[in-house]
Amino acid sequence: SKSTARSVEMTAALTPPAWAARRFAPSPPLRTDGLIPFDQAIAYARGCCEMMCSPETIDLLARAAADGATLDALTARWHAELLEQCGLESAFAMSAFRSDTDPSRFDF
């Protein structure tokens, strides 16, 4: 019927594209201070490599680009989500991973 078709169209219009959905669930509790343990830092680094080279990421980036999305902001969001999946609060970890950060902030 026309109303069912219209309802499907409206639902599709309100549903965000797959590339806009959260990809990585956080693993609470999130570390917000102190030293970043080696295993968490390595898990994040490995996760980044796997994520950015995965067919899923390549597909999502292609679809996002076709939709006119800002890819650097999108990948930065995925990196923040991945930090949280590794048990690190994203703002804390991003600050700790900056190139000018004192290496003593890491428990290596």
N, C-alpha and C. Protein backbone atom coordinates (compact mmCIF):
# COMPACT_ATOMS: atom_id res chain seq x y z
N SER A 1 0.83 -1.19 0.00
CA SER A 1 0.00 0.00 0.00
C SER A 1 0.87 1.24 0.00
N LYS A 2 0.25 2.39 -0.34
CA LYS A 2 0.98 3.65 -0.39
C LYS A 2 1.50 4.06 0.98
N SER A 3 0.69 3.86 2.01
CA SER A 3 1.12 4.27 3.35
C SER A 3 2.29 3.42 3.85
N THR A 4 2.31 2.14 3.52
CA THR A 4 3.43 1.28 3.91
C THR A 4 4.70 1.69 3.17
N ALA A 5 4.58 1.96 1.90
CA ALA A 5 5.74 2.40 1.12
C ALA A 5 6.27 3.72 1.65
N ARG A 6 5.38 4.63 1.97
CA ARG A 6 5.80 5.94 2.51
C ARG A 6 6.47 5.76 3.87
N SER A 7 5.93 4.87 4.69
CA SER A 7 6.52 4.60 6.00
C SER A 7 7.93 4.04 5.85
N VAL A 8 8.13 3.15 4.90
CA VAL A 8 9.46 2.58 4.64
C VAL A 8 10.41 3.66 4.17
N GLU A 9 9.97 4.53 3.29
CA GLU A 9 10.79 5.63 2.81
C GLU A 9 11.19 6.56 3.95
N MET A 10 10.24 6.90 4.81
CA MET A 10 10.52 7.80 5.93
C MET A 10 11.50 7.16 6.91
N THR A 11 11.34 5.87 7.18
CA THR A 11 12.25 5.17 8.07
C THR A 11 13.66 5.15 7.47
N ALA A 12 13.75 4.89 6.20
CA ALA A 12 15.06 4.88 5.52
C ALA A 12 15.71 6.26 5.58
N ALA A 13 14.92 7.30 5.43
CA ALA A 13 15.46 8.66 5.46
C ALA A 13 15.97 9.01 6.86
N LEU A 14 15.36 8.46 7.90
CA LEU A 14 15.76 8.76 9.27
C LEU A 14 16.88 7.86 9.78
N THR A 15 17.11 6.76 9.12
CA THR A 15 18.16 5.82 9.52
C THR A 15 19.50 6.34 9.02
N PRO A 16 20.47 6.54 9.94
CA PRO A 16 21.77 7.02 9.49
C PRO A 16 22.47 5.97 8.63
N PRO A 17 23.32 6.40 7.72
CA PRO A 17 24.05 5.43 6.89
C PRO A 17 24.97 4.56 7.76
N ALA A 18 25.31 3.40 7.26
CA ALA A 18 26.13 2.44 8.02
C ALA A 18 27.45 3.07 8.48
N TRP A 19 28.04 3.92 7.65
CA TRP A 19 29.33 4.50 8.02
C TRP A 19 29.22 5.46 9.20
N ALA A 20 28.01 5.93 9.51
CA ALA A 20 27.83 6.89 10.60
C ALA A 20 27.59 6.21 11.96
N ALA A 21 27.36 4.92 11.96
CA ALA A 21 27.07 4.20 13.20
C ALA A 21 28.34 3.97 14.01
N ARG A 22 28.16 3.84 15.31
CA ARG A 22 29.29 3.50 16.18
C ARG A 22 29.79 2.10 15.82
N ARG A 23 31.09 1.95 15.69
CA ARG A 23 31.67 0.66 15.30
C ARG A 23 32.22 -0.13 16.47
N PHE A 24 32.69 0.55 17.49
CA PHE A 24 33.39 -0.12 18.59
C PHE A 24 32.76 0.27 19.93
N ALA A 25 32.29 -0.73 20.66
CA ALA A 25 31.67 -0.49 21.96
C ALA A 25 32.74 -0.26 23.02
N PRO A 26 32.49 0.64 23.97
CA PRO A 26 33.47 0.86 25.04
C PRO A 26 33.55 -0.35 25.98
N SER A 27 34.69 -0.50 26.63
CA SER A 27 34.91 -1.56 27.61
C SER A 27 35.14 -0.93 28.98
N PRO A 28 34.04 -0.60 29.69
CA PRO A 28 34.20 0.05 30.99
C PRO A 28 34.83 -0.90 32.00
N PRO A 29 35.44 -0.41 33.05
CA PRO A 29 35.63 1.02 33.30
C PRO A 29 36.77 1.56 32.45
N LEU A 30 36.62 2.80 32.02
CA LEU A 30 37.64 3.42 31.17
C LEU A 30 38.70 4.09 32.04
N ARG A 31 39.96 3.87 31.69
CA ARG A 31 41.07 4.51 32.40
C ARG A 31 41.07 6.00 32.02
N THR A 32 41.10 6.85 33.03
CA THR A 32 41.06 8.30 32.79
C THR A 32 42.30 9.02 33.29
N ASP A 33 43.20 8.31 33.95
CA ASP A 33 44.41 8.96 34.43
C ASP A 33 45.46 7.90 34.73
N GLY A 34 46.61 8.36 35.15
CA GLY A 34 47.70 7.44 35.49
C GLY A 34 48.47 6.97 34.28
N LEU A 35 49.16 5.88 34.47
CA LEU A 35 49.99 5.29 33.41
C LEU A 35 49.14 4.41 32.51
N ILE A 36 49.45 4.45 31.22
CA ILE A 36 48.77 3.56 30.27
C ILE A 36 49.57 2.26 30.21
N PRO A 37 48.95 1.16 30.61
CA PRO A 37 49.67 -0.12 30.59
C PRO A 37 50.06 -0.53 29.16
N PHE A 38 51.17 -1.22 29.09
CA PHE A 38 51.69 -1.68 27.81
C PHE A 38 50.66 -2.47 27.03
N ASP A 39 49.94 -3.39 27.69
CA ASP A 39 49.00 -4.23 26.97
C ASP A 39 47.86 -3.41 26.35
N GLN A 40 47.43 -2.34 27.01
CA GLN A 40 46.38 -1.50 26.44
C GLN A 40 46.92 -0.69 25.26
N ALA A 41 48.14 -0.18 25.38
CA ALA A 41 48.73 0.59 24.28
C ALA A 41 48.93 -0.29 23.05
N ILE A 42 49.40 -1.50 23.25
CA ILE A 42 49.63 -2.43 22.14
C ILE A 42 48.31 -2.88 21.53
N ALA A 43 47.30 -3.14 22.38
CA ALA A 43 45.98 -3.53 21.86
C ALA A 43 45.42 -2.44 20.97
N TYR A 44 45.60 -1.18 21.37
CA TYR A 44 45.12 -0.06 20.56
C TYR A 44 45.90 0.01 19.24
N ALA A 45 47.22 -0.09 19.30
CA ALA A 45 48.03 -0.01 18.08
C ALA A 45 47.67 -1.12 17.10
N ARG A 46 47.54 -2.33 17.60
CA ARG A 46 47.15 -3.46 16.72
C ARG A 46 45.75 -3.25 16.17
N GLY A 47 44.85 -2.79 17.02
CA GLY A 47 43.48 -2.54 16.59
C GLY A 47 43.41 -1.50 15.48
N CYS A 48 44.25 -0.46 15.59
CA CYS A 48 44.29 0.57 14.55
C CYS A 48 44.71 -0.01 13.21
N CYS A 49 45.76 -0.81 13.23
CA CYS A 49 46.25 -1.43 11.99
C CYS A 49 45.17 -2.31 11.37
N GLU A 50 44.56 -3.15 12.20
CA GLU A 50 43.52 -4.05 11.70
C GLU A 50 42.32 -3.27 11.17
N MET A 51 41.91 -2.24 11.93
CA MET A 51 40.74 -1.47 11.52
C MET A 51 40.98 -0.75 10.19
N MET A 52 42.08 -0.04 10.08
CA MET A 52 42.29 0.80 8.89
C MET A 52 42.54 -0.03 7.64
N CYS A 53 42.98 -1.26 7.78
CA CYS A 53 43.24 -2.12 6.62
C CYS A 53 42.10 -3.08 6.32
N SER A 54 41.06 -3.05 7.11
CA SER A 54 39.99 -4.03 6.94
C SER A 54 39.10 -3.70 5.75
N PRO A 55 38.58 -4.72 5.09
CA PRO A 55 37.63 -4.49 3.99
C PRO A 55 36.40 -3.70 4.46
N GLU A 56 35.98 -3.92 5.70
CA GLU A 56 34.83 -3.16 6.22
C GLU A 56 35.13 -1.66 6.24
N THR A 57 36.31 -1.28 6.72
CA THR A 57 36.68 0.14 6.77
C THR A 57 36.75 0.72 5.37
N ILE A 58 37.37 0.01 4.47
CA ILE A 58 37.50 0.50 3.09
C ILE A 58 36.12 0.71 2.47
N ASP A 59 35.22 -0.22 2.71
CA ASP A 59 33.86 -0.10 2.20
C ASP A 59 33.14 1.09 2.83
N LEU A 60 33.23 1.22 4.16
CA LEU A 60 32.57 2.32 4.85
C LEU A 60 33.13 3.68 4.41
N LEU A 61 34.43 3.76 4.23
CA LEU A 61 35.04 5.02 3.77
C LEU A 61 34.58 5.37 2.35
N ALA A 62 34.48 4.37 1.50
CA ALA A 62 34.01 4.62 0.14
C ALA A 62 32.58 5.14 0.16
N ARG A 63 31.74 4.52 0.99
CA ARG A 63 30.34 4.98 1.07
C ARG A 63 30.25 6.37 1.70
N ALA A 64 31.05 6.61 2.71
CA ALA A 64 31.04 7.93 3.35
C ALA A 64 31.51 9.01 2.38
N ALA A 65 32.56 8.71 1.62
CA ALA A 65 33.05 9.68 0.63
C ALA A 65 31.99 9.98 -0.42
N ALA A 66 31.28 8.94 -0.85
CA ALA A 66 30.21 9.13 -1.84
C ALA A 66 29.10 10.01 -1.29
N ASP A 67 28.91 9.96 0.05
CA ASP A 67 27.89 10.78 0.70
C ASP A 67 28.41 12.17 1.06
N GLY A 68 29.68 12.44 0.78
CA GLY A 68 30.25 13.76 1.06
C GLY A 68 30.73 13.94 2.49
N ALA A 69 30.92 12.85 3.23
CA ALA A 69 31.37 12.94 4.62
C ALA A 69 32.83 13.39 4.69
N THR A 70 33.20 13.96 5.83
CA THR A 70 34.58 14.35 6.08
C THR A 70 35.32 13.13 6.62
N LEU A 71 36.17 12.54 5.81
CA LEU A 71 36.77 11.26 6.16
C LEU A 71 37.75 11.35 7.32
N ASP A 72 38.49 12.46 7.44
CA ASP A 72 39.43 12.56 8.56
C ASP A 72 38.68 12.62 9.89
N ALA A 73 37.55 13.31 9.94
CA ALA A 73 36.75 13.35 11.17
C ALA A 73 36.15 11.97 11.47
N LEU A 74 35.75 11.28 10.44
CA LEU A 74 35.17 9.95 10.61
C LEU A 74 36.20 8.98 11.16
N THR A 75 37.39 8.96 10.58
CA THR A 75 38.42 8.02 11.06
C THR A 75 38.89 8.43 12.46
N ALA A 76 38.93 9.71 12.77
CA ALA A 76 39.29 10.14 14.13
C ALA A 76 38.26 9.63 15.13
N ARG A 77 36.98 9.67 14.76
CA ARG A 77 35.94 9.15 15.66
C ARG A 77 36.11 7.65 15.87
N TRP A 78 36.42 6.92 14.80
CA TRP A 78 36.64 5.48 14.94
C TRP A 78 37.84 5.19 15.85
N HIS A 79 38.90 5.99 15.72
CA HIS A 79 40.06 5.82 16.59
C HIS A 79 39.68 6.07 18.05
N ALA A 80 38.87 7.10 18.30
CA ALA A 80 38.42 7.38 19.67
C ALA A 80 37.59 6.22 20.21
N GLU A 81 36.72 5.67 19.38
CA GLU A 81 35.92 4.52 19.80
C GLU A 81 36.80 3.31 20.10
N LEU A 82 37.83 3.12 19.28
CA LEU A 82 38.73 1.99 19.48
C LEU A 82 39.51 2.14 20.79
N LEU A 83 39.92 3.37 21.12
CA LEU A 83 40.58 3.61 22.41
C LEU A 83 39.68 3.16 23.55
N GLU A 84 38.40 3.52 23.45
CA GLU A 84 37.46 3.15 24.51
C GLU A 84 37.22 1.65 24.54
N GLN A 85 37.26 1.00 23.38
CA GLN A 85 37.13 -0.46 23.36
C GLN A 85 38.33 -1.11 24.06
N CYS A 86 39.46 -0.44 24.01
CA CYS A 86 40.67 -0.93 24.67
C CYS A 86 40.72 -0.54 26.15
N GLY A 87 39.65 0.11 26.65
CA GLY A 87 39.57 0.46 28.06
C GLY A 87 40.18 1.80 28.42
N LEU A 88 40.43 2.65 27.44
CA LEU A 88 41.04 3.96 27.66
C LEU A 88 40.05 5.06 27.30
N GLU A 89 39.83 6.00 28.21
CA GLU A 89 38.97 7.14 27.90
C GLU A 89 39.65 7.90 26.77
N SER A 90 38.92 8.22 25.73
CA SER A 90 39.55 8.70 24.49
C SER A 90 40.31 10.02 24.66
N ALA A 91 39.76 11.01 25.35
CA ALA A 91 40.46 12.30 25.50
C ALA A 91 41.76 12.12 26.30
N PHE A 92 41.70 11.31 27.36
CA PHE A 92 42.89 11.02 28.16
C PHE A 92 43.96 10.35 27.31
N ALA A 93 43.56 9.30 26.58
CA ALA A 93 44.53 8.54 25.79
C ALA A 93 45.09 9.36 24.64
N MET A 94 44.24 10.14 23.96
CA MET A 94 44.74 10.97 22.85
C MET A 94 45.77 11.96 23.35
N SER A 95 45.54 12.51 24.53
CA SER A 95 46.52 13.43 25.11
C SER A 95 47.81 12.69 25.44
N ALA A 96 47.70 11.50 25.99
CA ALA A 96 48.88 10.72 26.37
C ALA A 96 49.69 10.28 25.15
N PHE A 97 49.00 10.02 24.03
CA PHE A 97 49.68 9.53 22.84
C PHE A 97 50.27 10.64 21.96
N ARG A 98 50.10 11.89 22.36
CA ARG A 98 50.68 12.99 21.57
C ARG A 98 52.19 12.83 21.48
N SER A 99 52.77 13.31 20.40
CA SER A 99 54.22 13.11 20.17
C SER A 99 55.08 13.86 21.18
N ASP A 100 54.56 14.92 21.79
CA ASP A 100 55.37 15.67 22.76
C ASP A 100 55.13 15.22 24.20
N THR A 101 54.46 14.10 24.38
CA THR A 101 54.16 13.57 25.71
C THR A 101 55.39 12.91 26.32
N ASP A 102 55.56 13.13 27.59
CA ASP A 102 56.65 12.51 28.34
C ASP A 102 56.45 11.00 28.32
N PRO A 103 57.42 10.23 27.80
CA PRO A 103 57.26 8.77 27.71
C PRO A 103 57.05 8.09 29.06
N SER A 104 57.35 8.76 30.16
CA SER A 104 57.15 8.13 31.47
C SER A 104 55.68 7.95 31.81
N ARG A 105 54.76 8.49 30.95
CA ARG A 105 53.32 8.30 31.16
C ARG A 105 52.88 6.89 30.77
N PHE A 106 53.78 6.13 30.22
CA PHE A 106 53.45 4.77 29.78
C PHE A 106 54.16 3.77 30.68
N ASP A 107 53.47 2.73 31.02
CA ASP A 107 54.01 1.69 31.91
C ASP A 107 54.68 0.61 31.06
N PHE A 108 55.80 1.00 30.41
CA PHE A 108 56.51 0.06 29.52
C PHE A 108 57.74 -0.48 30.20
